[in-house]
Amino acid sequence: MKPIFEEIWRLAKPYLDTRKNDVHTEISIRFAYQLMEVEGGDENIVVPALILHDVGWKKVPQELHLKAFGPKATSPEINRTHEIEGVKIAKIILVNLKYDTEKIAQIVEIIDGHDSRKKSISLDDSIVKDADKLWRYSREGFHIDNERFGESYAEGLNRLRKYLPVWFLTNTANKLANEELQKRQKKAKI
């Protein structure tokens, strides 16, 4: 990672110690680089947006997290709270680092709707949204979500299969999700 990204990560880290967001963020960034390799995108927008996209969860009480997201969510409006709080935290971090003003505006716009906004506003937004969801298909993400949602391995696989056709905005993300899903399915057959 570039030194500026490492500095953003250092400042974001205290906000990422909930919901296993530190693990989620690292995996999402790895997927983002794979996506950018094929799809394009601006690393100087995508990577900071991913580092900072879930920092707002720190401002949502932990007992409300599973009401806000996941297969049994009862209060999805709480999910919006983490986006609003994330924008505030991201702005403070990026302004303090004297990050490019135009890029800050694009980064916080992405963060502001990375879960709630169904349509993409830019290629960079598509990359962030796709990388954010791809983590669910990774070995680590799959196991974390199964545990968090109280799902069996088969239930987790069914959840991923169900959302595969609708979650992804880029062809590359859809392909990567399919590849990861096949790996999870092979494990189930062993």
Foldseek 3Di string as FASTA:
>chain_A
DDPVLVQLLVLLVVLCPPLVNVVLLVQLVVQLVVCCVPPNDDCLQQNSLSSQLQSLVSVPPNVQVCLCDDPNNVCVVVVLRRLVSSLVSSVVSCVVVVHDPVSNVVSNVLSNPLPPDLDAPDPSSLSNNLSSVLCCLAPVNVVSNCVVVVHDLVVSLVVLVVCLVRRHDDPSSSVSSVVSSVVSVVVVVD
